[in-house]
Amino acid sequence: MTEIHHESDRVAARPVVLVIASVFAVVLLALAVIGFVYDLQLGRPPYEPGTAPSPPFPWHRLELAPRAELARWRERQASKLHQSGRVPLEQAMRQIEHRGARAYDALEASPHKMENNTQEGQR
């Protein structure tokens, strides 16, 4: 009758220890390389020699009346919008709506623009 050989319950310790030691060595080597590169970077100035670093960012200030400041900001923005000569979005959409089927036709010059162009040509 043939003998049956069973696999041993023991785990070979040498390969396990070698793998763990190898992983540990690779991690240590990586940390050493990172530390070396980091140390080299600390020795250099963060900007090119001869140029000054940017000035520090100014401190924020506490808004004493945030609603009033927001209202003033909105007024300034609205005045910029109206000074630019552009049509507000709602008004532009109404104008397109009134054009109906001709909404996507080429736009005609407005009389206001035509007056400005003729005045500039006369100068």
PDB file of N, CA and C in Angstrom:
ATOM      1  N   MET A   1       0.836  -1.167   0.000  1.00  0.00           N
ATOM      2  CA  MET A   1       0.000   0.000   0.000  1.00  0.00           C
ATOM      3  C   MET A   1       0.887   1.239   0.000  1.00  0.00           C
ATOM      4  N   THR A   2       0.436   2.274  -0.679  1.00  0.00           N
ATOM      5  CA  THR A   2       1.254   3.479  -0.782  1.00  0.00           C
ATOM      6  C   THR A   2       1.025   4.349   0.438  1.00  0.00           C
ATOM      7  N   GLU A   3       2.106   5.000   0.814  1.00  0.00           N
ATOM      8  CA  GLU A   3       1.997   5.887   1.965  1.00  0.00           C
ATOM      9  C   GLU A   3       1.448   7.245   1.532  1.00  0.00           C
ATOM     10  N   ILE A   4       0.643   7.793   2.365  1.00  0.00           N
ATOM     11  CA  ILE A   4       0.075   9.111   2.105  1.00  0.00           C
ATOM     12  C   ILE A   4       0.892  10.120   2.909  1.00  0.00           C
ATOM     13  N   HIS A   5       1.440  11.101   2.207  1.00  0.00           N
ATOM     14  CA  HIS A   5       2.208  12.150   2.878  1.00  0.00           C
ATOM     15  C   HIS A   5       1.358  13.413   2.948  1.00  0.00           C
ATOM     16  N   HIS A   6       1.167  13.867   4.108  1.00  0.00           N
ATOM     17  CA  HIS A   6       0.406  15.104   4.313  1.00  0.00           C
ATOM     18  C   HIS A   6       1.345  16.297   4.376  1.00  0.00           C
ATOM     19  N   GLU A   7       0.836  17.420   3.988  1.00  0.00           N
ATOM     20  CA  GLU A   7       1.637  18.629   4.031  1.00  0.00           C
ATOM     21  C   GLU A   7       1.846  19.021   5.484  1.00  0.00           C
ATOM     22  N   SER A   8       2.992  19.587   5.775  1.00  0.00           N
ATOM     23  CA  SER A   8       3.344  19.936   7.135  1.00  0.00           C
ATOM     24  C   SER A   8       2.521  21.130   7.601  1.00  0.00           C
ATOM     25  N   ASP A   9       2.208  21.174   8.877  1.00  0.00           N
ATOM     26  CA  ASP A   9       1.469  22.291   9.457  1.00  0.00           C
ATOM     27  C   ASP A   9       2.379  23.481   9.717  1.00  0.00           C
ATOM     28  N   ARG A  10       3.646  23.260   9.657  1.00  0.00           N
ATOM     29  CA  ARG A  10       4.590  24.318   9.949  1.00  0.00           C
ATOM     30  C   ARG A  10       4.732  25.261   8.743  1.00  0.00           C
ATOM     31  N   VAL A  11       4.899  26.518   9.067  1.00  0.00           N
ATOM     32  CA  VAL A  11       5.142  27.523   8.042  1.00  0.00           C
ATOM     33  C   VAL A  11       6.616  27.845   8.086  1.00  0.00           C
ATOM     34  N   ALA A  12       7.226  27.900   6.919  1.00  0.00           N
ATOM     35  CA  ALA A  12       8.645  28.217   6.878  1.00  0.00           C
ATOM     36  C   ALA A  12       8.815  29.680   7.269  1.00  0.00           C
ATOM     37  N   ALA A  13       9.542  29.911   8.329  1.00  0.00           N
ATOM     38  CA  ALA A  13       9.680  31.255   8.877  1.00  0.00           C
ATOM     39  C   ALA A  13      10.632  32.115   8.056  1.00  0.00           C
ATOM     40  N   ARG A  14      11.642  31.495   7.482  1.00  0.00           N
ATOM     41  CA  ARG A  14      12.657  32.264   6.775  1.00  0.00           C
ATOM     42  C   ARG A  14      12.062  33.102   5.632  1.00  0.00           C
ATOM     43  N   PRO A  15      11.235  32.580   4.707  1.00  0.00           N
ATOM     44  CA  PRO A  15      10.675  33.417   3.640  1.00  0.00           C
ATOM     45  C   PRO A  15       9.773  34.533   4.169  1.00  0.00           C
ATOM     46  N   VAL A  16       9.016  34.264   5.215  1.00  0.00           N
ATOM     47  CA  VAL A  16       8.126  35.275   5.780  1.00  0.00           C
ATOM     48  C   VAL A  16       8.944  36.415   6.371  1.00  0.00           C
ATOM     49  N   VAL A  17       9.975  36.096   7.114  1.00  0.00           N
ATOM     50  CA  VAL A  17      10.824  37.107   7.723  1.00  0.00           C
ATOM     51  C   VAL A  17      11.543  37.904   6.638  1.00  0.00           C
ATOM     52  N   LEU A  18      12.003  37.252   5.585  1.00  0.00           N
ATOM     53  CA  LEU A  18      12.683  37.946   4.490  1.00  0.00           C
ATOM     54  C   LEU A  18      11.744  38.932   3.790  1.00  0.00           C
ATOM     55  N   VAL A  19      10.505  38.551   3.555  1.00  0.00           N
ATOM     56  CA  VAL A  19       9.539  39.446   2.914  1.00  0.00           C
ATOM     57  C   VAL A  19       9.254  40.646   3.804  1.00  0.00           C
ATOM     58  N   ILE A  20       9.023  40.422   5.083  1.00  0.00           N
ATOM     59  CA  ILE A  20       8.736  41.519   6.011  1.00  0.00           C
ATOM     60  C   ILE A  20       9.944  42.453   6.097  1.00  0.00           C
ATOM     61  N   ALA A  21      11.150  41.888   6.207  1.00  0.00           N
ATOM     62  CA  ALA A  21      12.356  42.710   6.276  1.00  0.00           C
ATOM     63  C   ALA A  21      12.554  43.498   4.984  1.00  0.00           C
ATOM     64  N   SER A  22      12.259  42.905   3.837  1.00  0.00           N
ATOM     65  CA  SER A  22      12.407  43.595   2.556  1.00  0.00           C
ATOM     66  C   SER A  22      11.433  44.770   2.459  1.00  0.00           C
ATOM     67  N   VAL A  23      10.197  44.579   2.836  1.00  0.00           N
ATOM     68  CA  VAL A  23       9.204  45.648   2.807  1.00  0.00           C
ATOM     69  C   VAL A  23       9.631  46.774   3.744  1.00  0.00           C
ATOM     70  N   PHE A  24      10.094  46.406   4.936  1.00  0.00           N
ATOM     71  CA  PHE A  24      10.552  47.392   5.909  1.00  0.00           C
ATOM     72  C   PHE A  24      11.733  48.202   5.352  1.00  0.00           C
ATOM     73  N   ALA A  25      12.664  47.509   4.690  1.00  0.00           N
ATOM     74  CA  ALA A  25      13.830  48.177   4.119  1.00  0.00           C
ATOM     75  C   ALA A  25      13.422  49.129   2.994  1.00  0.00           C
ATOM     76  N   VAL A  26      12.485  48.726   2.155  1.00  0.00           N
ATOM     77  CA  VAL A  26      12.020  49.587   1.063  1.00  0.00           C
ATOM     78  C   VAL A  26      11.326  50.829   1.628  1.00  0.00           C
ATOM     79  N   VAL A  27      10.527  50.665   2.662  1.00  0.00           N
ATOM     80  CA  VAL A  27       9.851  51.807   3.280  1.00  0.00           C
ATOM     81  C   VAL A  27      10.875  52.758   3.891  1.00  0.00           C
ATOM     82  N   LEU A  28      11.851  52.227   4.595  1.00  0.00           N
ATOM     83  CA  LEU A  28      12.888  53.079   5.174  1.00  0.00           C
ATOM     84  C   LEU A  28      13.675  53.819   4.099  1.00  0.00           C
ATOM     85  N   LEU A  29      13.997  53.129   3.027  1.00  0.00           N
ATOM     86  CA  LEU A  29      14.725  53.762   1.933  1.00  0.00           C
ATOM     87  C   LEU A  29      13.899  54.888   1.306  1.00  0.00           C
ATOM     88  N   ALA A  30      12.615  54.653   1.108  1.00  0.00           N
ATOM     89  CA  ALA A  30      11.739  55.688   0.534  1.00  0.00           C
ATOM     90  C   ALA A  30      11.651  56.895   1.463  1.00  0.00           C
ATOM     91  N   LEU A  31      11.525  56.664   2.763  1.00  0.00           N
ATOM     92  CA  LEU A  31      11.470  57.770   3.714  1.00  0.00           C
ATOM     93  C   LEU A  31      12.784  58.543   3.730  1.00  0.00           C
ATOM     94  N   ALA A  32      13.894  57.850   3.618  1.00  0.00           N
ATOM     95  CA  ALA A  32      15.197  58.518   3.590  1.00  0.00           C
ATOM     96  C   ALA A  32      15.322  59.391   2.347  1.00  0.00           C
ATOM     97  N   VAL A  33      14.885  58.889   1.204  1.00  0.00           N
ATOM     98  CA  VAL A  33      14.952  59.673  -0.033  1.00  0.00           C
ATOM     99  C   VAL A  33      14.045  60.898   0.066  1.00  0.00           C
ATOM    100  N   ILE A  34      12.849  60.723   0.578  1.00  0.00           N
ATOM    101  CA  ILE A  34      11.918  61.849   0.730  1.00  0.00           C
ATOM    102  C   ILE A  34      12.503  62.880   1.682  1.00  0.00           C
ATOM    103  N   GLY A  35      13.087  62.424   2.802  1.00  0.00           N
ATOM    104  CA  GLY A  35      13.703  63.344   3.754  1.00  0.00           C
ATOM    105  C   GLY A  35      14.872  64.092   3.149  1.00  0.00           C
ATOM    106  N   PHE A  36      15.671  63.417   2.346  1.00  0.00           N
ATOM    107  CA  PHE A  36      16.819  64.045   1.703  1.00  0.00           C
ATOM    108  C   PHE A  36      16.364  65.122   0.722  1.00  0.00           C
ATOM    109  N   VAL A  37      15.385  64.807  -0.090  1.00  0.00           N
ATOM    110  CA  VAL A  37      14.867  65.780  -1.063  1.00  0.00           C
ATOM    111  C   VAL A  37      14.224  66.959  -0.331  1.00  0.00           C
ATOM    112  N   TYR A  38      13.480  66.686   0.714  1.00  0.00           N
ATOM    113  CA  TYR A  38      12.839  67.745   1.489  1.00  0.00           C
ATOM    114  C   TYR A  38      13.894  68.646   2.120  1.00  0.00           C
ATOM    115  N   ASP A  39      14.958  68.058   2.643  1.00  0.00           N
ATOM    116  CA  ASP A  39      16.028  68.829   3.259  1.00  0.00           C
ATOM    117  C   ASP A  39      16.717  69.712   2.227  1.00  0.00           C
ATOM    118  N   LEU A  40      16.880  69.214   1.014  1.00  0.00           N
ATOM    119  CA  LEU A  40      17.480  70.029  -0.040  1.00  0.00           C
ATOM    120  C   LEU A  40      16.598  71.219  -0.395  1.00  0.00           C
ATOM    121  N   GLN A  41      15.301  71.016  -0.404  1.00  0.00           N
ATOM    122  CA  GLN A  41      14.379  72.090  -0.766  1.00  0.00           C
ATOM    123  C   GLN A  41      14.344  73.183   0.289  1.00  0.00           C
ATOM    124  N   LEU A  42      14.551  72.823   1.556  1.00  0.00           N
ATOM    125  CA  LEU A  42      14.506  73.828   2.616  1.00  0.00           C
ATOM    126  C   LEU A  42      15.708  74.756   2.559  1.00  0.00           C
ATOM    127  N   GLY A  43      16.784  74.328   1.949  1.00  0.00           N
ATOM    128  CA  GLY A  43      17.976  75.150   1.871  1.00  0.00           C
ATOM    129  C   GLY A  43      17.873  76.264   0.846  1.00  0.00           C
ATOM    130  N   ARG A  44      16.929  76.201  -0.056  1.00  0.00           N
ATOM    131  CA  ARG A  44      16.784  77.209  -1.116  1.00  0.00           C
ATOM    132  C   ARG A  44      15.698  78.216  -0.758  1.00  0.00           C
ATOM    133  N   PRO A  45      15.873  79.461  -1.214  1.00  0.00           N
ATOM    134  CA  PRO A  45      14.796  80.429  -0.970  1.00  0.00           C
ATOM    135  C   PRO A  45      13.591  80.076  -1.843  1.00  0.00           C
ATOM    136  N   PRO A  46      12.388  80.418  -1.387  1.00  0.00           N
ATOM    137  CA  PRO A  46      11.187  80.079  -2.155  1.00  0.00           C
ATOM    138  C   PRO A  46      10.995  80.946  -3.386  1.00  0.00           C
ATOM    139  N   TYR A  47      11.853  81.937  -3.595  1.00  0.00           N
ATOM    140  CA  TYR A  47      11.739  82.809  -4.758  1.00  0.00           C
ATOM    141  C   TYR A  47      13.120  82.985  -5.371  1.00  0.00           C
ATOM    142  N   GLU A  48      13.141  83.485  -6.555  1.00  0.00           N
ATOM    143  CA  GLU A  48      14.401  83.684  -7.265  1.00  0.00           C
ATOM    144  C   GLU A  48      15.221  84.768  -6.565  1.00  0.00           C
ATOM    145  N   PRO A  49      16.532  84.620  -6.503  1.00  0.00           N
ATOM    146  CA  PRO A  49      17.356  85.667  -5.891  1.00  0.00           C
ATOM    147  C   PRO A  49      17.205  86.986  -6.652  1.00  0.00           C
ATOM    148  N   GLY A  50      17.127  88.060  -5.899  1.00  0.00           N
ATOM    149  CA  GLY A  50      16.979  89.375  -6.513  1.00  0.00           C
ATOM    150  C   GLY A  50      15.543  89.842  -6.604  1.00  0.00           C
ATOM    151  N   THR A  51      14.605  88.962  -6.370  1.00  0.00           N
ATOM    152  CA  THR A  51      13.193  89.359  -6.393  1.00  0.00           C
ATOM    153  C   THR A  51      12.651  89.273  -4.980  1.00  0.00           C
ATOM    154  N   ALA A  52      11.833  90.192  -4.653  1.00  0.00           N
ATOM    155  CA  ALA A  52      11.260  90.214  -3.306  1.00  0.00           C
ATOM    156  C   ALA A  52      10.000  89.367  -3.266  1.00  0.00           C
ATOM    157  N   PRO A  53       9.710  88.781  -2.126  1.00  0.00           N
ATOM    158  CA  PRO A  53       8.449  88.047  -2.019  1.00  0.00           C
ATOM    159  C   PRO A  53       7.267  89.003  -2.069  1.00  0.00           C
ATOM    160  N   SER A  54       6.114  88.495  -2.380  1.00  0.00           N
ATOM    161  CA  SER A  54       4.928  89.348  -2.474  1.00  0.00           C
ATOM    162  C   SER A  54       4.587  89.895  -1.089  1.00  0.00           C
ATOM    163  N   PRO A  55       3.990  91.075  -1.035  1.00  0.00           N
ATOM    164  CA  PRO A  55       3.649  91.659   0.266  1.00  0.00           C
ATOM    165  C   PRO A  55       2.583  90.814   0.951  1.00  0.00           C
ATOM    166  N   PRO A  56       2.524  90.890   2.266  1.00  0.00           N
ATOM    167  CA  PRO A  56       1.524  90.084   2.975  1.00  0.00           C
ATOM    168  C   PRO A  56       0.113  90.534   2.622  1.00  0.00           C
ATOM    169  N   PHE A  57      -0.792  89.605   2.661  1.00  0.00           N
ATOM    170  CA  PHE A  57      -2.185  89.893   2.354  1.00  0.00           C
ATOM    171  C   PHE A  57      -2.766  90.759   3.469  1.00  0.00           C
ATOM    172  N   PRO A  58      -3.512  91.814   3.142  1.00  0.00           N
ATOM    173  CA  PRO A  58      -4.033  92.699   4.195  1.00  0.00           C
ATOM    174  C   PRO A  58      -5.061  91.970   5.064  1.00  0.00           C
ATOM    175  N   TRP A  59      -5.120  92.399   6.289  1.00  0.00           N
ATOM    176  CA  TRP A  59      -6.088  91.806   7.208  1.00  0.00           C
ATOM    177  C   TRP A  59      -7.498  92.105   6.744  1.00  0.00           C
ATOM    178  N   HIS A  60      -8.386  91.202   7.033  1.00  0.00           N
ATOM    179  CA  HIS A  60      -9.793  91.459   6.727  1.00  0.00           C
ATOM    180  C   HIS A  60     -10.322  92.455   7.758  1.00  0.00           C
ATOM    181  N   ARG A  61     -11.332  93.148   7.352  1.00  0.00           N
ATOM    182  CA  ARG A  61     -11.909  94.095   8.301  1.00  0.00           C
ATOM    183  C   ARG A  61     -13.345  93.674   8.578  1.00  0.00           C
ATOM    184  N   LEU A  62     -13.754  93.940   9.750  1.00  0.00           N
ATOM    185  CA  LEU A  62     -15.102  93.584  10.158  1.00  0.00           C
ATOM    186  C   LEU A  62     -16.079  94.592   9.570  1.00  0.00           C
ATOM    187  N   GLU A  63     -17.118  94.087   8.931  1.00  0.00           N
ATOM    188  CA  GLU A  63     -18.125  94.979   8.366  1.00  0.00           C
ATOM    189  C   GLU A  63     -19.072  95.402   9.483  1.00  0.00           C
ATOM    190  N   LEU A  64     -19.126  96.691   9.721  1.00  0.00           N
ATOM    191  CA  LEU A  64     -19.974  97.187  10.796  1.00  0.00           C
ATOM    192  C   LEU A  64     -21.443  97.170  10.396  1.00  0.00           C
ATOM    193  N   ALA A  65     -21.705  97.402   9.109  1.00  0.00           N
ATOM    194  CA  ALA A  65     -23.084  97.399   8.610  1.00  0.00           C
ATOM    195  C   ALA A  65     -23.093  96.570   7.319  1.00  0.00           C
ATOM    196  N   PRO A  66     -23.113  95.248   7.429  1.00  0.00           N
ATOM    197  CA  PRO A  66     -22.989  94.424   6.224  1.00  0.00           C
ATOM    198  C   PRO A  66     -24.129  94.636   5.220  1.00  0.00           C
ATOM    199  N   ARG A  67     -25.323  94.868   5.686  1.00  0.00           N
ATOM    200  CA  ARG A  67     -26.438  95.066   4.751  1.00  0.00           C
ATOM    201  C   ARG A  67     -26.273  96.360   3.970  1.00  0.00           C
ATOM    202  N   ALA A  68     -25.828  97.399   4.647  1.00  0.00           N
ATOM    203  CA  ALA A  68     -25.627  98.679   3.963  1.00  0.00           C
ATOM    204  C   ALA A  68     -24.473  98.564   2.963  1.00  0.00           C
ATOM    205  N   GLU A  69     -23.407  97.860   3.361  1.00  0.00           N
ATOM    206  CA  GLU A  69     -22.285  97.685   2.439  1.00  0.00           C
ATOM    207  C   GLU A  69     -22.689  96.851   1.226  1.00  0.00           C
ATOM    208  N   LEU A  70     -23.522  95.836   1.452  1.00  0.00           N
ATOM    209  CA  LEU A  70     -24.013  95.031   0.334  1.00  0.00           C
ATOM    210  C   LEU A  70     -24.870  95.882  -0.598  1.00  0.00           C
ATOM    211  N   ALA A  71     -25.701  96.746  -0.019  1.00  0.00           N
ATOM    212  CA  ALA A  71     -26.545  97.620  -0.846  1.00  0.00           C
ATOM    213  C   ALA A  71     -25.683  98.580  -1.662  1.00  0.00           C
ATOM    214  N   ARG A  72     -24.627  99.149  -1.042  1.00  0.00           N
ATOM    215  CA  ARG A  72     -23.737 100.046  -1.781  1.00  0.00           C
ATOM    216  C   ARG A  72     -23.016  99.290  -2.900  1.00  0.00           C
ATOM    217  N   TRP A  73     -22.586  98.076  -2.603  1.00  0.00           N
ATOM    218  CA  TRP A  73     -21.899  97.270  -3.624  1.00  0.00           C
ATOM    219  C   TRP A  73     -22.832  96.987  -4.793  1.00  0.00           C
ATOM    220  N   ARG A  74     -24.083  96.624  -4.472  1.00  0.00           N
ATOM    221  CA  ARG A  74     -25.054  96.347  -5.541  1.00  0.00           C
ATOM    222  C   ARG A  74     -25.319  97.597  -6.375  1.00  0.00           C
ATOM    223  N   GLU A  75     -25.386  98.758  -5.723  1.00  0.00           N
ATOM    224  CA  GLU A  75     -25.582 100.007  -6.475  1.00  0.00           C
ATOM    225  C   GLU A  75     -24.405 100.275  -7.406  1.00  0.00           C
ATOM    226  N   ARG A  76     -23.191 100.063  -6.904  1.00  0.00           N
ATOM    227  CA  ARG A  76     -22.012 100.269  -7.754  1.00  0.00           C
ATOM    228  C   ARG A  76     -22.029  99.315  -8.941  1.00  0.00           C
ATOM    229  N   GLN A  77     -22.400  98.074  -8.710  1.00  0.00           N
ATOM    230  CA  GLN A  77     -22.432  97.100  -9.794  1.00  0.00           C
ATOM    231  C   GLN A  77     -23.509  97.460 -10.812  1.00  0.00           C
ATOM    232  N   ALA A  78     -24.664  97.890 -10.309  1.00  0.00           N
ATOM    233  CA  ALA A  78     -25.748  98.282 -11.221  1.00  0.00           C
ATOM    234  C   ALA A  78     -25.342  99.504 -12.039  1.00  0.00           C
ATOM    235  N   SER A  79     -24.662 100.465 -11.405  1.00  0.00           N
ATOM    236  CA  SER A  79     -24.251 101.651 -12.163  1.00  0.00           C
ATOM    237  C   SER A  79     -23.207 101.286 -13.216  1.00  0.00           C
ATOM    238  N   LYS A  80     -22.310 100.357 -12.889  1.00  0.00           N
ATOM    239  CA  LYS A  80     -21.339  99.896 -13.892  1.00  0.00           C
ATOM    240  C   LYS A  80     -22.056  99.239 -15.067  1.00  0.00           C
ATOM    241  N   LEU A  81     -23.080  98.450 -14.748  1.00  0.00           N
ATOM    242  CA  LEU A  81     -23.819  97.762 -15.805  1.00  0.00           C
ATOM    243  C   LEU A  81     -24.527  98.767 -16.704  1.00  0.00           C
ATOM    244  N   HIS A  82     -25.155  99.777 -16.107  1.00  0.00           N
ATOM    245  CA  HIS A  82     -25.904 100.744 -16.906  1.00  0.00           C
ATOM    246  C   HIS A  82     -24.983 101.708 -17.645  1.00  0.00           C
ATOM    247  N   GLN A  83     -23.800 101.975 -17.112  1.00  0.00           N
ATOM    248  CA  GLN A  83     -22.855 102.854 -17.785  1.00  0.00           C
ATOM    249  C   GLN A  83     -22.226 102.184 -18.997  1.00  0.00           C
ATOM    250  N   SER A  84     -22.186 100.864 -18.990  1.00  0.00           N
ATOM    251  CA  SER A  84     -21.522 100.173 -20.096  1.00  0.00           C
ATOM    252  C   SER A  84     -22.336 100.230 -21.378  1.00  0.00           C
ATOM    253  N   GLY A  85     -23.598 100.661 -21.297  1.00  0.00           N
ATOM    254  CA  GLY A  85     -24.419 100.779 -22.489  1.00  0.00           C
ATOM    255  C   GLY A  85     -25.050  99.467 -22.901  1.00  0.00           C
ATOM    256  N   ARG A  86     -24.921  98.501 -22.069  1.00  0.00           N
ATOM    257  CA  ARG A  86     -25.517  97.201 -22.394  1.00  0.00           C
ATOM    258  C   ARG A  86     -26.935  97.145 -21.868  1.00  0.00           C
ATOM    259  N   VAL A  87     -27.741  96.321 -22.497  1.00  0.00           N
ATOM    260  CA  VAL A  87     -29.138  96.180 -22.126  1.00  0.00           C
ATOM    261  C   VAL A  87     -29.238  95.127 -21.020  1.00  0.00           C
ATOM    262  N   PRO A  88     -29.972  95.408 -19.935  1.00  0.00           N
ATOM    263  CA  PRO A  88     -30.148  94.392 -18.900  1.00  0.00           C
ATOM    264  C   PRO A  88     -30.776  93.126 -19.476  1.00  0.00           C
ATOM    265  N   LEU A  89     -30.487  92.009 -18.877  1.00  0.00           N
ATOM    266  CA  LEU A  89     -30.905  90.713 -19.400  1.00  0.00           C
ATOM    267  C   LEU A  89     -32.416  90.613 -19.574  1.00  0.00           C
ATOM    268  N   GLU A  90     -33.174  91.058 -18.562  1.00  0.00           N
ATOM    269  CA  GLU A  90     -34.630  90.940 -18.647  1.00  0.00           C
ATOM    270  C   GLU A  90     -35.180  91.756 -19.829  1.00  0.00           C
ATOM    271  N   GLN A  91     -34.638  92.955 -19.998  1.00  0.00           N
ATOM    272  CA  GLN A  91     -35.097  93.804 -21.105  1.00  0.00           C
ATOM    273  C   GLN A  91     -34.708  93.184 -22.445  1.00  0.00           C
ATOM    274  N   ALA A  92     -33.514  92.624 -22.526  1.00  0.00           N
ATOM    275  CA  ALA A  92     -33.079  91.996 -23.774  1.00  0.00           C
ATOM    276  C   ALA A  92     -33.972  90.803 -24.114  1.00  0.00           C
ATOM    277  N   MET A  93     -34.336  90.019 -23.117  1.00  0.00           N
ATOM    278  CA  MET A  93     -35.208  88.872 -23.368  1.00  0.00           C
ATOM    279  C   MET A  93     -36.592  89.338 -23.835  1.00  0.00           C
ATOM    280  N   ARG A  94     -37.091  90.433 -23.252  1.00  0.00           N
ATOM    281  CA  ARG A  94     -38.386  90.958 -23.704  1.00  0.00           C
ATOM    282  C   ARG A  94     -38.297  91.423 -25.155  1.00  0.00           C
ATOM    283  N   GLN A  95     -37.184  92.072 -25.524  1.00  0.00           N
ATOM    284  CA  GLN A  95     -37.015  92.533 -26.901  1.00  0.00           C
ATOM    285  C   GLN A  95     -36.980  91.350 -27.863  1.00  0.00           C
ATOM    286  N   ILE A  96     -36.316  90.292 -27.500  1.00  0.00           N
ATOM    287  CA  ILE A  96     -36.275  89.101 -28.355  1.00  0.00           C
ATOM    288  C   ILE A  96     -37.659  88.490 -28.466  1.00  0.00           C
ATOM    289  N   GLU A  97     -38.383  88.469 -27.354  1.00  0.00           N
ATOM    290  CA  GLU A  97     -39.726  87.901 -27.358  1.00  0.00           C
ATOM    291  C   GLU A  97     -40.642  88.708 -28.284  1.00  0.00           C
ATOM    292  N   HIS A  98     -40.520  90.028 -28.279  1.00  0.00           N
ATOM    293  CA  HIS A  98     -41.372  90.879 -29.115  1.00  0.00           C
ATOM    294  C   HIS A  98     -41.045  90.727 -30.597  1.00  0.00           C
ATOM    295  N   ARG A  99     -39.841  90.279 -30.914  1.00  0.00           N
ATOM    296  CA  ARG A  99     -39.480  90.097 -32.323  1.00  0.00           C
ATOM    297  C   ARG A  99     -40.199  88.903 -32.936  1.00  0.00           C
ATOM    298  N   GLY A 100     -40.678  87.988 -32.102  1.00  0.00           N
ATOM    299  CA  GLY A 100     -41.454  86.845 -32.590  1.00  0.00           C
ATOM    300  C   GLY A 100     -40.648  85.944 -33.499  1.00  0.00           C
ATOM    301  N   ALA A 101     -41.159  85.706 -34.713  1.00  0.00           N
ATOM    302  CA  ALA A 101     -40.516  84.795 -35.657  1.00  0.00           C
ATOM    303  C   ALA A 101     -39.186  85.362 -36.156  1.00  0.00           C
ATOM    304  N   ARG A 102     -39.005  86.673 -36.044  1.00  0.00           N
ATOM    305  CA  ARG A 102     -37.756  87.284 -36.495  1.00  0.00           C
ATOM    306  C   ARG A 102     -36.707  87.343 -35.376  1.00  0.00           C
ATOM    307  N   ALA A 103     -36.902  86.596 -34.309  1.00  0.00           N
ATOM    308  CA  ALA A 103     -36.032  86.685 -33.131  1.00  0.00           C
ATOM    309  C   ALA A 103     -34.578  86.372 -33.450  1.00  0.00           C
ATOM    310  N   TYR A 104     -34.338  85.476 -34.393  1.00  0.00           N
ATOM    311  CA  TYR A 104     -32.964  85.077 -34.689  1.00  0.00           C
ATOM    312  C   TYR A 104     -32.413  85.722 -35.959  1.00  0.00           C
ATOM    313  N   ASP A 105     -33.134  86.692 -36.506  1.00  0.00           N
ATOM    314  CA  ASP A 105     -32.609  87.436 -37.652  1.00  0.00           C
ATOM    315  C   ASP A 105     -31.488  88.361 -37.183  1.00  0.00           C
ATOM    316  N   ALA A 106     -30.714  88.875 -38.127  1.00  0.00           N
ATOM    317  CA  ALA A 106     -29.636  89.800 -37.784  1.00  0.00           C
ATOM    318  C   ALA A 106     -30.218  91.050 -37.144  1.00  0.00           C
ATOM    319  N   LEU A 107     -29.507  91.590 -36.169  1.00  0.00           N
ATOM    320  CA  LEU A 107     -29.982  92.778 -35.470  1.00  0.00           C
ATOM    321  C   LEU A 107     -29.721  94.018 -36.316  1.00  0.00           C
ATOM    322  N   GLU A 108     -30.628  94.964 -36.190  1.00  0.00           N
ATOM    323  CA  GLU A 108     -30.457  96.240 -36.872  1.00  0.00           C
ATOM    324  C   GLU A 108     -29.790  97.202 -35.902  1.00  0.00           C
ATOM    325  N   ALA A 109     -29.057  98.168 -36.420  1.00  0.00           N
ATOM    326  CA  ALA A 109     -28.411  99.159 -35.566  1.00  0.00           C
ATOM    327  C   ALA A 109     -29.472 100.022 -34.911  1.00  0.00           C
ATOM    328  N   SER A 110     -29.285 100.301 -33.617  1.00  0.00           N
ATOM    329  CA  SER A 110     -30.254 101.141 -32.914  1.00  0.00           C
ATOM    330  C   SER A 110     -30.036 102.601 -33.310  1.00  0.00           C
ATOM    331  N   PRO A 111     -31.080 103.426 -33.266  1.00  0.00           N
ATOM    332  CA  PRO A 111     -30.936 104.845 -33.634  1.00  0.00           C
ATOM    333  C   PRO A 111     -29.910 105.546 -32.737  1.00  0.00           C
ATOM    334  N   HIS A 112     -29.833 105.160 -31.489  1.00  0.00           N
ATOM    335  CA  HIS A 112     -28.882 105.772 -30.555  1.00  0.00           C
ATOM    336  C   HIS A 112     -27.455 105.511 -31.025  1.00  0.00           C
ATOM    337  N   LYS A 113     -27.173 104.307 -31.438  1.00  0.00           N
ATOM    338  CA  LYS A 113     -25.836 103.962 -31.916  1.00  0.00           C
ATOM    339  C   LYS A 113     -25.538 104.693 -33.233  1.00  0.00           C
ATOM    340  N   MET A 114     -26.557 104.811 -34.086  1.00  0.00           N
ATOM    341  CA  MET A 114     -26.340 105.481 -35.356  1.00  0.00           C
ATOM    342  C   MET A 114     -26.002 106.951 -35.124  1.00  0.00           C
ATOM    343  N   GLU A 115     -26.665 107.607 -34.139  1.00  0.00           N
ATOM    344  CA  GLU A 115     -26.372 109.000 -33.826  1.00  0.00           C
ATOM    345  C   GLU A 115     -24.946 109.132 -33.323  1.00  0.00           C
ATOM    346  N   ASN A 116     -24.514 108.228 -32.440  1.00  0.00           N
ATOM    347  CA  ASN A 116     -23.154 108.277 -31.904  1.00  0.00           C
ATOM    348  C   ASN A 116     -22.121 108.108 -33.014  1.00  0.00           C
ATOM    349  N   ASN A 117     -22.391 107.203 -33.945  1.00  0.00           N
ATOM    350  CA  ASN A 117     -21.452 106.970 -35.034  1.00  0.00           C
ATOM    351  C   ASN A 117     -21.340 108.187 -35.948  1.00  0.00           C
ATOM    352  N   THR A 118     -22.474 108.852 -36.232  1.00  0.00           N
ATOM    353  CA  THR A 118     -22.416 110.027 -37.116  1.00  0.00           C
ATOM    354  C   THR A 118     -21.749 111.196 -36.409  1.00  0.00           C
ATOM    355  N   GLN A 119     -21.949 111.326 -35.103  1.00  0.00           N
ATOM    356  CA  GLN A 119     -21.316 112.401 -34.351  1.00  0.00           C
ATOM    357  C   GLN A 119     -19.802 112.185 -34.306  1.00  0.00           C
ATOM    358  N   GLU A 120     -19.356 110.949 -34.152  1.00  0.00           N
ATOM    359  CA  GLU A 120     -17.942 110.665 -34.125  1.00  0.00           C
ATOM    360  C   GLU A 120     -17.319 110.905 -35.490  1.00  0.00           C
ATOM    361  N   GLY A 121     -18.060 110.659 -36.561  1.00  0.00           N
ATOM    362  CA  GLY A 121     -17.544 110.877 -37.902  1.00  0.00           C
ATOM    363  C   GLY A 121     -17.407 112.360 -38.226  1.00  0.00           C
ATOM    364  N   GLN A 122     -18.235 113.223 -37.595  1.00  0.00           N
ATOM    365  CA  GLN A 122     -18.190 114.649 -37.855  1.00  0.00           C
ATOM    366  C   GLN A 122     -17.039 115.321 -37.140  1.00  0.00           C
ATOM    367  N   ARG A 123     -16.501 114.698 -36.113  1.00  0.00           N
ATOM    368  CA  ARG A 123     -15.406 115.304 -35.334  1.00  0.00           C
ATOM    369  C   ARG A 123     -14.137 115.332 -36.053  1.00  0.00           C
TER     370      ARG A 123
END
